[in-house]
């Protein structure tokens, strides 16, 4: 005999099953790292931790170098580098360029 599962039957089944599953999970008390290499405190696990940390540092350094090569100024404009006079000259040139663009846009608008 097949029973049709309605919303009320489904809700009742869930109310009965969920506490049982929760109780089972709580009683099992298993460690997520149990049986793994990293779970021990012997020399091998310490060495494994050190190797993993070394790999992570090397990976981070590679990512930083990759970012720096893609963004040479570190996300900043190149005008922030150099002496004060060089920076001032670069900013003045940029200001003139912007003023020219503003004038062109105003001419196009009219």
PDB file of N, CA and C in Angstrom:
ATOM      1  N   UNK A   1       0.834  -1.168   0.000  1.00  0.00           N
ATOM      2  CA  UNK A   1       0.000   0.000   0.000  1.00  0.00           C
ATOM      3  C   UNK A   1       0.885   1.240   0.000  1.00  0.00           C
ATOM      4  N   UNK A   2       0.655   2.098  -0.927  1.00  0.00           N
ATOM      5  CA  UNK A   2       1.420   3.325  -1.024  1.00  0.00           C
ATOM      6  C   UNK A   2       0.678   4.447  -0.333  1.00  0.00           C
ATOM      7  N   UNK A   3       1.387   5.202   0.405  1.00  0.00           N
ATOM      8  CA  UNK A   3       0.783   6.327   1.103  1.00  0.00           C
ATOM      9  C   UNK A   3       1.190   7.607   0.383  1.00  0.00           C
ATOM     10  N   UNK A   4       0.243   8.442   0.125  1.00  0.00           N
ATOM     11  CA  UNK A   4       0.506   9.715  -0.526  1.00  0.00           C
ATOM     12  C   UNK A   4       1.062  10.674   0.523  1.00  0.00           C
ATOM     13  N   UNK A   5       2.194  11.268   0.193  1.00  0.00           N
ATOM     14  CA  UNK A   5       2.823  12.194   1.134  1.00  0.00           C
ATOM     15  C   UNK A   5       2.262  13.584   0.892  1.00  0.00           C
ATOM     16  N   UNK A   6       1.551  14.058   1.860  1.00  0.00           N
ATOM     17  CA  UNK A   6       1.006  15.409   1.780  1.00  0.00           C
ATOM     18  C   UNK A   6       1.913  16.332   2.578  1.00  0.00           C
ATOM     19  N   UNK A   7       1.620  17.594   2.532  1.00  0.00           N
ATOM     20  CA  UNK A   7       2.430  18.567   3.259  1.00  0.00           C
ATOM     21  C   UNK A   7       2.389  18.305   4.759  1.00  0.00           C
ATOM     22  N   UNK A   8       1.230  17.927   5.265  1.00  0.00           N
ATOM     23  CA  UNK A   8       1.127  17.684   6.706  1.00  0.00           C
ATOM     24  C   UNK A   8       1.879  16.411   7.098  1.00  0.00           C
ATOM     25  N   UNK A   9       1.804  15.359   6.260  1.00  0.00           N
ATOM     26  CA  UNK A   9       2.549  14.130   6.544  1.00  0.00           C
ATOM     27  C   UNK A   9       4.051  14.376   6.488  1.00  0.00           C
ATOM     28  N   UNK A  10       4.477  15.176   5.528  1.00  0.00           N
ATOM     29  CA  UNK A  10       5.895  15.481   5.377  1.00  0.00           C
ATOM     30  C   UNK A  10       6.397  16.263   6.590  1.00  0.00           C
ATOM     31  N   UNK A  11       5.591  17.234   7.038  1.00  0.00           N
ATOM     32  CA  UNK A  11       5.971  18.032   8.199  1.00  0.00           C
ATOM     33  C   UNK A  11       6.062  17.152   9.448  1.00  0.00           C
ATOM     34  N   UNK A  12       5.120  16.224   9.584  1.00  0.00           N
ATOM     35  CA  UNK A  12       5.135  15.323  10.732  1.00  0.00           C
ATOM     36  C   UNK A  12       6.373  14.433  10.700  1.00  0.00           C
ATOM     37  N   UNK A  13       6.713  13.910   9.533  1.00  0.00           N
ATOM     38  CA  UNK A  13       7.891  13.057   9.403  1.00  0.00           C
ATOM     39  C   UNK A  13       9.160  13.831   9.731  1.00  0.00           C
ATOM     40  N   UNK A  14       9.233  15.060   9.276  1.00  0.00           N
ATOM     41  CA  UNK A  14      10.421  15.867   9.563  1.00  0.00           C
ATOM     42  C   UNK A  14      10.547  16.161  11.050  1.00  0.00           C
ATOM     43  N   UNK A  15       9.420  16.418  11.706  1.00  0.00           N
ATOM     44  CA  UNK A  15       9.465  16.679  13.141  1.00  0.00           C
ATOM     45  C   UNK A  15       9.921  15.453  13.927  1.00  0.00           C
ATOM     46  N   UNK A  16       9.622  14.286  13.417  1.00  0.00           N
ATOM     47  CA  UNK A  16      10.016  13.069  14.116  1.00  0.00           C
ATOM     48  C   UNK A  16      11.463  12.699  13.811  1.00  0.00           C
ATOM     49  N   UNK A  17      11.910  12.910  12.588  1.00  0.00           N
ATOM     50  CA  UNK A  17      13.242  12.460  12.173  1.00  0.00           C
ATOM     51  C   UNK A  17      14.337  13.422  12.624  1.00  0.00           C
ATOM     52  N   UNK A  18      14.116  14.724  12.538  1.00  0.00           N
ATOM     53  CA  UNK A  18      15.164  15.697  12.853  1.00  0.00           C
ATOM     54  C   UNK A  18      15.732  15.553  14.272  1.00  0.00           C
ATOM     55  N   UNK A  19      14.912  15.457  15.307  1.00  0.00           N
ATOM     56  CA  UNK A  19      15.505  15.299  16.647  1.00  0.00           C
ATOM     57  C   UNK A  19      16.338  14.033  16.767  1.00  0.00           C
ATOM     58  N   UNK A  20      15.927  12.970  16.089  1.00  0.00           N
ATOM     59  CA  UNK A  20      16.675  11.721  16.130  1.00  0.00           C
ATOM     60  C   UNK A  20      18.036  11.907  15.488  1.00  0.00           C
ATOM     61  N   UNK A  21      18.072  12.572  14.334  1.00  0.00           N
ATOM     62  CA  UNK A  21      19.337  12.807  13.652  1.00  0.00           C
ATOM     63  C   UNK A  21      20.238  13.721  14.471  1.00  0.00           C
ATOM     64  N   UNK A  22      19.660  14.744  15.074  1.00  0.00           N
ATOM     65  CA  UNK A  22      20.441  15.669  15.894  1.00  0.00           C
ATOM     66  C   UNK A  22      21.044  14.941  17.080  1.00  0.00           C
ATOM     67  N   UNK A  23      20.262  14.089  17.714  1.00  0.00           N
ATOM     68  CA  UNK A  23      20.753  13.325  18.854  1.00  0.00           C
ATOM     69  C   UNK A  23      21.872  12.392  18.418  1.00  0.00           C
ATOM     70  N   UNK A  24      21.734  11.760  17.276  1.00  0.00           N
ATOM     71  CA  UNK A  24      22.758  10.850  16.767  1.00  0.00           C
ATOM     72  C   UNK A  24      24.047  11.608  16.480  1.00  0.00           C
ATOM     73  N   UNK A  25      23.937  12.774  15.856  1.00  0.00           N
ATOM     74  CA  UNK A  25      25.129  13.558  15.554  1.00  0.00           C
ATOM     75  C   UNK A  25      25.816  14.026  16.825  1.00  0.00           C
ATOM     76  N   UNK A  26      25.039  14.463  17.813  1.00  0.00           N
ATOM     77  CA  UNK A  26      25.624  14.942  19.052  1.00  0.00           C
ATOM     78  C   UNK A  26      26.310  13.808  19.811  1.00  0.00           C
ATOM     79  N   UNK A  27      25.747  12.613  19.749  1.00  0.00           N
ATOM     80  CA  UNK A  27      26.305  11.485  20.482  1.00  0.00           C
ATOM     81  C   UNK A  27      27.555  10.929  19.818  1.00  0.00           C
ATOM     82  N   UNK A  28      27.691  11.123  18.506  1.00  0.00           N
ATOM     83  CA  UNK A  28      28.833  10.535  17.815  1.00  0.00           C
ATOM     84  C   UNK A  28      30.137  11.194  18.228  1.00  0.00           C
ATOM     85  N   UNK A  29      30.119  12.519  18.483  1.00  0.00           N
ATOM     86  CA  UNK A  29      31.264  13.252  19.013  1.00  0.00           C
ATOM     87  C   UNK A  29      32.547  12.935  18.245  1.00  0.00           C
ATOM     88  N   UNK A  30      32.494  13.055  16.933  1.00  0.00           N
ATOM     89  CA  UNK A  30      33.685  12.774  16.135  1.00  0.00           C
ATOM     90  C   UNK A  30      34.442  14.062  15.849  1.00  0.00           C
ATOM     91  N   UNK A  31      35.719  13.948  15.772  1.00  0.00           N
ATOM     92  CA  UNK A  31      36.577  15.082  15.450  1.00  0.00           C
ATOM     93  C   UNK A  31      36.728  15.148  13.945  1.00  0.00           C
ATOM     94  N   UNK A  32      36.651  16.354  13.392  1.00  0.00           N
ATOM     95  CA  UNK A  32      36.737  16.497  11.943  1.00  0.00           C
ATOM     96  C   UNK A  32      38.118  16.139  11.427  1.00  0.00           C
ATOM     97  N   UNK A  33      39.137  16.239  12.281  1.00  0.00           N
ATOM     98  CA  UNK A  33      40.500  15.920  11.851  1.00  0.00           C
ATOM     99  C   UNK A  33      40.938  14.541  12.319  1.00  0.00           C
ATOM    100  N   UNK A  34      40.040  13.780  12.914  1.00  0.00           N
ATOM    101  CA  UNK A  34      40.417  12.473  13.418  1.00  0.00           C
ATOM    102  C   UNK A  34      40.873  11.579  12.277  1.00  0.00           C
ATOM    103  N   UNK A  35      42.017  10.963  12.478  1.00  0.00           N
ATOM    104  CA  UNK A  35      42.555  10.064  11.460  1.00  0.00           C
ATOM    105  C   UNK A  35      43.391  10.770  10.413  1.00  0.00           C
ATOM    106  N   UNK A  36      43.411  12.084  10.429  1.00  0.00           N
ATOM    107  CA  UNK A  36      44.213  12.789   9.440  1.00  0.00           C
ATOM    108  C   UNK A  36      45.646  12.917   9.938  1.00  0.00           C
ATOM    109  N   UNK A  37      46.529  13.263   9.037  1.00  0.00           N
ATOM    110  CA  UNK A  37      47.938  13.399   9.375  1.00  0.00           C
ATOM    111  C   UNK A  37      48.133  14.548  10.360  1.00  0.00           C
ATOM    112  N   UNK A  38      47.341  15.591  10.211  1.00  0.00           N
ATOM    113  CA  UNK A  38      47.515  16.774  11.043  1.00  0.00           C
ATOM    114  C   UNK A  38      47.000  16.592  12.467  1.00  0.00           C
ATOM    115  N   UNK A  39      46.319  15.471  12.760  1.00  0.00           N
ATOM    116  CA  UNK A  39      45.713  15.316  14.077  1.00  0.00           C
ATOM    117  C   UNK A  39      46.719  14.917  15.148  1.00  0.00           C
ATOM    118  N   UNK A  40      47.848  14.380  14.779  1.00  0.00           N
ATOM    119  CA  UNK A  40      48.826  13.929  15.759  1.00  0.00           C
ATOM    120  C   UNK A  40      49.741  15.032  16.231  1.00  0.00           C
ATOM    121  N   UNK A  41      50.517  14.731  17.264  1.00  0.00           N
ATOM    122  CA  UNK A  41      51.477  15.690  17.795  1.00  0.00           C
ATOM    123  C   UNK A  41      52.894  15.147  17.715  1.00  0.00           C
ATOM    124  N   UNK A  42      53.129  14.234  16.810  1.00  0.00           N
ATOM    125  CA  UNK A  42      54.461  13.673  16.674  1.00  0.00           C
ATOM    126  C   UNK A  42      55.298  14.512  15.704  1.00  0.00           C
ATOM    127  N   UNK A  43      56.517  14.113  15.495  1.00  0.00           N
ATOM    128  CA  UNK A  43      57.435  14.875  14.641  1.00  0.00           C
ATOM    129  C   UNK A  43      56.933  14.944  13.202  1.00  0.00           C
ATOM    130  N   UNK A  44      56.315  13.863  12.738  1.00  0.00           N
ATOM    131  CA  UNK A  44      55.824  13.860  11.362  1.00  0.00           C
ATOM    132  C   UNK A  44      54.737  14.905  11.162  1.00  0.00           C
ATOM    133  N   UNK A  45      53.794  15.010  12.103  1.00  0.00           N
ATOM    134  CA  UNK A  45      52.717  15.987  11.950  1.00  0.00           C
ATOM    135  C   UNK A  45      53.249  17.417  12.073  1.00  0.00           C
ATOM    136  N   UNK A  46      54.247  17.629  12.958  1.00  0.00           N
ATOM    137  CA  UNK A  46      54.848  18.953  13.071  1.00  0.00           C
ATOM    138  C   UNK A  46      55.541  19.345  11.769  1.00  0.00           C
ATOM    139  N   UNK A  47      56.230  18.399  11.178  1.00  0.00           N
ATOM    140  CA  UNK A  47      56.898  18.668   9.896  1.00  0.00           C
ATOM    141  C   UNK A  47      55.862  18.946   8.815  1.00  0.00           C
ATOM    142  N   UNK A  48      54.778  18.209   8.834  1.00  0.00           N
ATOM    143  CA  UNK A  48      53.708  18.418   7.856  1.00  0.00           C
ATOM    144  C   UNK A  48      53.107  19.812   8.005  1.00  0.00           C
ATOM    145  N   UNK A  49      52.902  20.253   9.244  1.00  0.00           N
ATOM    146  CA  UNK A  49      52.398  21.609   9.483  1.00  0.00           C
ATOM    147  C   UNK A  49      53.377  22.650   8.951  1.00  0.00           C
ATOM    148  N   UNK A  50      54.670  22.435   9.185  1.00  0.00           N
ATOM    149  CA  UNK A  50      55.684  23.376   8.713  1.00  0.00           C
ATOM    150  C   UNK A  50      55.713  23.434   7.189  1.00  0.00           C
ATOM    151  N   UNK A  51      55.602  22.278   6.538  1.00  0.00           N
ATOM    152  CA  UNK A  51      55.580  22.237   5.071  1.00  0.00           C
ATOM    153  C   UNK A  51      54.353  22.963   4.528  1.00  0.00           C
ATOM    154  N   UNK A  52      53.226  22.774   5.170  1.00  0.00           N
ATOM    155  CA  UNK A  52      52.003  23.438   4.732  1.00  0.00           C
ATOM    156  C   UNK A  52      52.113  24.953   4.896  1.00  0.00           C
ATOM    157  N   UNK A  53      52.681  25.394   6.012  1.00  0.00           N
ATOM    158  CA  UNK A  53      52.871  26.827   6.237  1.00  0.00           C
ATOM    159  C   UNK A  53      53.849  27.403   5.219  1.00  0.00           C
ATOM    160  N   UNK A  54      54.911  26.676   4.924  1.00  0.00           N
ATOM    161  CA  UNK A  54      55.887  27.132   3.931  1.00  0.00           C
ATOM    162  C   UNK A  54      55.239  27.246   2.554  1.00  0.00           C
ATOM    163  N   UNK A  55      54.415  26.259   2.197  1.00  0.00           N
ATOM    164  CA  UNK A  55      53.725  26.315   0.911  1.00  0.00           C
ATOM    165  C   UNK A  55      52.791  27.517   0.851  1.00  0.00           C
ATOM    166  N   UNK A  56      52.069  27.767   1.951  1.00  0.00           N
ATOM    167  CA  UNK A  56      51.120  28.892   1.974  1.00  0.00           C
ATOM    168  C   UNK A  56      51.860  30.218   1.814  1.00  0.00           C
ATOM    169  N   UNK A  57      52.998  30.372   2.503  1.00  0.00           N
ATOM    170  CA  UNK A  57      53.769  31.612   2.359  1.00  0.00           C
ATOM    171  C   UNK A  57      54.284  31.778   0.936  1.00  0.00           C
ATOM    172  N   UNK A  58      54.777  30.695   0.343  1.00  0.00           N
ATOM    173  CA  UNK A  58      55.277  30.744  -1.031  1.00  0.00           C
ATOM    174  C   UNK A  58      54.150  31.087  -2.005  1.00  0.00           C
ATOM    175  N   UNK A  59      52.985  30.494  -1.791  1.00  0.00           N
ATOM    176  CA  UNK A  59      51.831  30.759  -2.646  1.00  0.00           C
ATOM    177  C   UNK A  59      51.399  32.219  -2.530  1.00  0.00           C
ATOM    178  N   UNK A  60      51.356  32.732  -1.309  1.00  0.00           N
ATOM    179  CA  UNK A  60      50.995  34.138  -1.104  1.00  0.00           C
ATOM    180  C   UNK A  60      51.992  35.065  -1.785  1.00  0.00           C
ATOM    181  N   UNK A  61      53.284  34.747  -1.678  1.00  0.00           N
ATOM    182  CA  UNK A  61      54.307  35.580  -2.318  1.00  0.00           C
ATOM    183  C   UNK A  61      54.136  35.571  -3.832  1.00  0.00           C
ATOM    184  N   UNK A  62      53.814  34.407  -4.395  1.00  0.00           N
ATOM    185  CA  UNK A  62      53.580  34.327  -5.845  1.00  0.00           C
ATOM    186  C   UNK A  62      52.380  35.170  -6.248  1.00  0.00           C
ATOM    187  N   UNK A  63      51.321  35.108  -5.458  1.00  0.00           N
ATOM    188  CA  UNK A  63      50.128  35.900  -5.759  1.00  0.00           C
ATOM    189  C   UNK A  63      50.427  37.394  -5.671  1.00  0.00           C
ATOM    190  N   UNK A  64      51.215  37.799  -4.682  1.00  0.00           N
ATOM    191  CA  UNK A  64      51.574  39.211  -4.538  1.00  0.00           C
ATOM    192  C   UNK A  64      52.409  39.666  -5.722  1.00  0.00           C
ATOM    193  N   UNK A  65      53.383  38.842  -6.122  1.00  0.00           N
ATOM    194  CA  UNK A  65      54.212  39.195  -7.276  1.00  0.00           C
ATOM    195  C   UNK A  65      53.387  39.280  -8.552  1.00  0.00           C
ATOM    196  N   UNK A  66      52.440  38.364  -8.697  1.00  0.00           N
ATOM    197  CA  UNK A  66      51.566  38.394  -9.872  1.00  0.00           C
ATOM    198  C   UNK A  66      50.734  39.672  -9.893  1.00  0.00           C
ATOM    199  N   UNK A  67      50.213  40.071  -8.731  1.00  0.00           N
ATOM    200  CA  UNK A  67      49.415  41.294  -8.638  1.00  0.00           C
ATOM    201  C   UNK A  67      50.278  42.519  -8.933  1.00  0.00           C
ATOM    202  N   UNK A  68      51.465  42.539  -8.362  1.00  0.00           N
ATOM    203  CA  UNK A  68      52.352  43.685  -8.578  1.00  0.00           C
ATOM    204  C   UNK A  68      52.778  43.806 -10.030  1.00  0.00           C
ATOM    205  N   UNK A  69      52.986  42.684 -10.709  1.00  0.00           N
ATOM    206  CA  UNK A  69      53.366  42.760 -12.118  1.00  0.00           C
ATOM    207  C   UNK A  69      52.189  43.240 -12.975  1.00  0.00           C
ATOM    208  N   UNK A  70      50.967  42.897 -12.566  1.00  0.00           N
ATOM    209  CA  UNK A  70      49.794  43.348 -13.308  1.00  0.00           C
ATOM    210  C   UNK A  70      49.458  44.799 -12.990  1.00  0.00           C
ATOM    211  N   UNK A  71      49.779  45.263 -11.782  1.00  0.00           N
ATOM    212  CA  UNK A  71      49.506  46.630 -11.340  1.00  0.00           C
ATOM    213  C   UNK A  71      50.816  47.258 -10.876  1.00  0.00           C
ATOM    214  N   UNK A  72      51.605  47.799 -11.792  1.00  0.00           N
ATOM    215  CA  UNK A  72      52.953  48.255 -11.438  1.00  0.00           C
ATOM    216  C   UNK A  72      52.991  49.322 -10.352  1.00  0.00           C
ATOM    217  N   UNK A  73      52.010  50.208 -10.314  1.00  0.00           N
ATOM    218  CA  UNK A  73      52.037  51.274  -9.309  1.00  0.00           C
ATOM    219  C   UNK A  73      51.289  50.864  -8.052  1.00  0.00           C
ATOM    220  N   UNK A  74      50.897  49.620  -7.958  1.00  0.00           N
ATOM    221  CA  UNK A  74      50.170  49.170  -6.779  1.00  0.00           C
ATOM    222  C   UNK A  74      48.788  49.773  -6.683  1.00  0.00           C
ATOM    223  N   UNK A  75      48.190  50.123  -7.820  1.00  0.00           N
ATOM    224  CA  UNK A  75      46.865  50.720  -7.822  1.00  0.00           C
ATOM    225  C   UNK A  75      46.894  52.228  -7.730  1.00  0.00           C
ATOM    226  N   UNK A  76      48.061  52.797  -7.459  1.00  0.00           N
ATOM    227  CA  UNK A  76      48.183  54.246  -7.383  1.00  0.00           C
ATOM    228  C   UNK A  76      48.647  54.780  -8.727  1.00  0.00           C
ATOM    229  N   UNK A  77      48.454  56.070  -8.945  1.00  0.00           N
ATOM    230  CA  UNK A  77      48.892  56.676 -10.185  1.00  0.00           C
ATOM    231  C   UNK A  77      50.403  56.821 -10.161  1.00  0.00           C
ATOM    232  N   UNK A  78      51.004  56.831 -11.337  1.00  0.00           N
ATOM    233  CA  UNK A  78      52.451  56.935 -11.431  1.00  0.00           C
ATOM    234  C   UNK A  78      52.947  58.307 -11.013  1.00  0.00           C
ATOM    235  N   UNK A  79      52.066  59.298 -10.912  1.00  0.00           N
ATOM    236  CA  UNK A  79      52.476  60.660 -10.562  1.00  0.00           C
ATOM    237  C   UNK A  79      52.880  60.776  -9.105  1.00  0.00           C
ATOM    238  N   UNK A  80      52.582  59.781  -8.266  1.00  0.00           N
ATOM    239  CA  UNK A  80      52.934  59.871  -6.856  1.00  0.00           C
ATOM    240  C   UNK A  80      54.388  59.496  -6.611  1.00  0.00           C
ATOM    241  N   UNK A  81      55.098  59.028  -7.632  1.00  0.00           N
ATOM    242  CA  UNK A  81      56.497  58.653  -7.478  1.00  0.00           C
ATOM    243  C   UNK A  81      57.385  59.767  -8.000  1.00  0.00           C
ATOM    244  N   UNK A  82      58.593  59.863  -7.479  1.00  0.00           N
ATOM    245  CA  UNK A  82      59.546  60.863  -7.933  1.00  0.00           C
ATOM    246  C   UNK A  82      59.648  62.015  -6.960  1.00  0.00           C
ATOM    247  N   UNK A  83      60.418  63.030  -7.367  1.00  0.00           N
ATOM    248  CA  UNK A  83      60.607  64.194  -6.507  1.00  0.00           C
ATOM    249  C   UNK A  83      59.353  65.059  -6.515  1.00  0.00           C
ATOM    250  N   UNK A  84      59.343  66.025  -5.639  1.00  0.00           N
ATOM    251  CA  UNK A  84      58.187  66.914  -5.532  1.00  0.00           C
ATOM    252  C   UNK A  84      57.989  67.713  -6.816  1.00  0.00           C
ATOM    253  N   UNK A  85      59.081  68.181  -7.402  1.00  0.00           N
ATOM    254  CA  UNK A  85      58.985  68.967  -8.637  1.00  0.00           C
ATOM    255  C   UNK A  85      58.443  68.117  -9.785  1.00  0.00           C
ATOM    256  N   UNK A  86      58.867  66.865  -9.871  1.00  0.00           N
ATOM    257  CA  UNK A  86      58.368  65.971 -10.924  1.00  0.00           C
ATOM    258  C   UNK A  86      56.883  65.701 -10.729  1.00  0.00           C
ATOM    259  N   UNK A  87      56.497  65.487  -9.495  1.00  0.00           N
ATOM    260  CA  UNK A  87      55.087  65.238  -9.226  1.00  0.00           C
ATOM    261  C   UNK A  87      54.243  66.452  -9.557  1.00  0.00           C
ATOM    262  N   UNK A  88      54.757  67.642  -9.183  1.00  0.00           N
ATOM    263  CA  UNK A  88      54.035  68.873  -9.465  1.00  0.00           C
ATOM    264  C   UNK A  88      53.876  69.088 -10.967  1.00  0.00           C
ATOM    265  N   UNK A  89      54.937  68.841 -11.735  1.00  0.00           N
ATOM    266  CA  UNK A  89      54.878  69.002 -13.184  1.00  0.00           C
ATOM    267  C   UNK A  89      53.881  68.015 -13.797  1.00  0.00           C
ATOM    268  N   UNK A  90      53.892  66.787 -13.306  1.00  0.00           N
ATOM    269  CA  UNK A  90      52.963  65.780 -13.829  1.00  0.00           C
ATOM    270  C   UNK A  90      51.521  66.160 -13.518  1.00  0.00           C
ATOM    271  N   UNK A  91      51.284  66.670 -12.320  1.00  0.00           N
ATOM    272  CA  UNK A  91      49.928  67.072 -11.956  1.00  0.00           C
ATOM    273  C   UNK A  91      49.465  68.279 -12.758  1.00  0.00           C
ATOM    274  N   UNK A  92      50.363  69.218 -13.012  1.00  0.00           N
ATOM    275  CA  UNK A  92      50.021  70.386 -13.837  1.00  0.00           C
ATOM    276  C   UNK A  92      49.658  69.941 -15.250  1.00  0.00           C
ATOM    277  N   UNK A  93      50.427  69.005 -15.806  1.00  0.00           N
ATOM    278  CA  UNK A  93      50.134  68.504 -17.149  1.00  0.00           C
ATOM    279  C   UNK A  93      48.786  67.801 -17.175  1.00  0.00           C
ATOM    280  N   UNK A  94      48.511  67.038 -16.135  1.00  0.00           N
ATOM    281  CA  UNK A  94      47.232  66.342 -16.058  1.00  0.00           C
ATOM    282  C   UNK A  94      46.085  67.349 -15.925  1.00  0.00           C
ATOM    283  N   UNK A  95      46.313  68.409 -15.153  1.00  0.00           N
ATOM    284  CA  UNK A  95      45.301  69.448 -14.987  1.00  0.00           C
ATOM    285  C   UNK A  95      44.992  70.120 -16.321  1.00  0.00           C
ATOM    286  N   UNK A  96      46.022  70.429 -17.104  1.00  0.00           N
ATOM    287  CA  UNK A  96      45.820  71.047 -18.420  1.00  0.00           C
ATOM    288  C   UNK A  96      45.046  70.108 -19.343  1.00  0.00           C
ATOM    289  N   UNK A  97      45.388  68.843 -19.284  1.00  0.00           N
ATOM    290  CA  UNK A  97      44.696  67.855 -20.122  1.00  0.00           C
ATOM    291  C   UNK A  97      43.214  67.803 -19.763  1.00  0.00           C
ATOM    292  N   UNK A  98      42.908  67.822 -18.482  1.00  0.00           N
ATOM    293  CA  UNK A  98      41.510  67.771 -18.025  1.00  0.00           C
ATOM    294  C   UNK A  98      40.771  69.035 -18.451  1.00  0.00           C
ATOM    295  N   UNK A  99      41.419  70.179 -18.318  1.00  0.00           N
ATOM    296  CA  UNK A  99      40.784  71.437 -18.725  1.00  0.00           C
ATOM    297  C   UNK A  99      40.496  71.446 -20.220  1.00  0.00           C
ATOM    298  N   UNK A 100      41.392  70.877 -21.017  1.00  0.00           N
ATOM    299  CA  UNK A 100      41.157  70.782 -22.465  1.00  0.00           C
ATOM    300  C   UNK A 100      39.965  69.882 -22.762  1.00  0.00           C
ATOM    301  N   UNK A 101      39.876  68.780 -22.068  1.00  0.00           N
ATOM    302  CA  UNK A 101      38.744  67.866 -22.268  1.00  0.00           C
ATOM    303  C   UNK A 101      37.432  68.542 -21.882  1.00  0.00           C
ATOM    304  N   UNK A 102      37.447  69.318 -20.800  1.00  0.00           N
ATOM    305  CA  UNK A 102      36.238  70.033 -20.370  1.00  0.00           C
ATOM    306  C   UNK A 102      35.824  71.035 -21.440  1.00  0.00           C
ATOM    307  N   UNK A 103      36.798  71.752 -21.981  1.00  0.00           N
ATOM    308  CA  UNK A 103      36.497  72.735 -23.028  1.00  0.00           C
ATOM    309  C   UNK A 103      35.922  72.047 -24.267  1.00  0.00           C
ATOM    310  N   UNK A 104      36.472  70.908 -24.645  1.00  0.00           N
ATOM    311  CA  UNK A 104      35.968  70.171 -25.813  1.00  0.00           C
ATOM    312  C   UNK A 104      34.531  69.711 -25.581  1.00  0.00           C
ATOM    313  N   UNK A 105      34.256  69.216 -24.393  1.00  0.00           N
ATOM    314  CA  UNK A 105      32.902  68.746 -24.090  1.00  0.00           C
ATOM    315  C   UNK A 105      31.899  69.910 -24.096  1.00  0.00           C
ATOM    316  N   UNK A 106      32.330  71.058 -23.591  1.00  0.00           N
ATOM    317  CA  UNK A 106      31.436  72.223 -23.605  1.00  0.00           C
ATOM    318  C   UNK A 106      31.167  72.670 -25.038  1.00  0.00           C
ATOM    319  N   UNK A 107      32.183  72.604 -25.905  1.00  0.00           N
ATOM    320  CA  UNK A 107      31.999  72.978 -27.322  1.00  0.00           C
ATOM    321  C   UNK A 107      31.048  71.996 -28.020  1.00  0.00           C
ATOM    322  N   UNK A 108      31.165  70.712 -27.697  1.00  0.00           N
ATOM    323  CA  UNK A 108      30.284  69.715 -28.301  1.00  0.00           C
ATOM    324  C   UNK A 108      28.850  69.902 -27.834  1.00  0.00           C
ATOM    325  N   UNK A 109      28.691  70.309 -26.583  1.00  0.00           N
ATOM    326  CA  UNK A 109      27.375  70.509 -26.012  1.00  0.00           C
ATOM    327  C   UNK A 109      26.639  71.657 -26.676  1.00  0.00           C
ATOM    328  N   UNK A 110      27.370  72.727 -26.991  1.00  0.00           N
ATOM    329  CA  UNK A 110      26.757  73.915 -27.608  1.00  0.00           C
ATOM    330  C   UNK A 110      26.514  73.746 -29.060  1.00  0.00           C
TER     331      UNK A 110
END
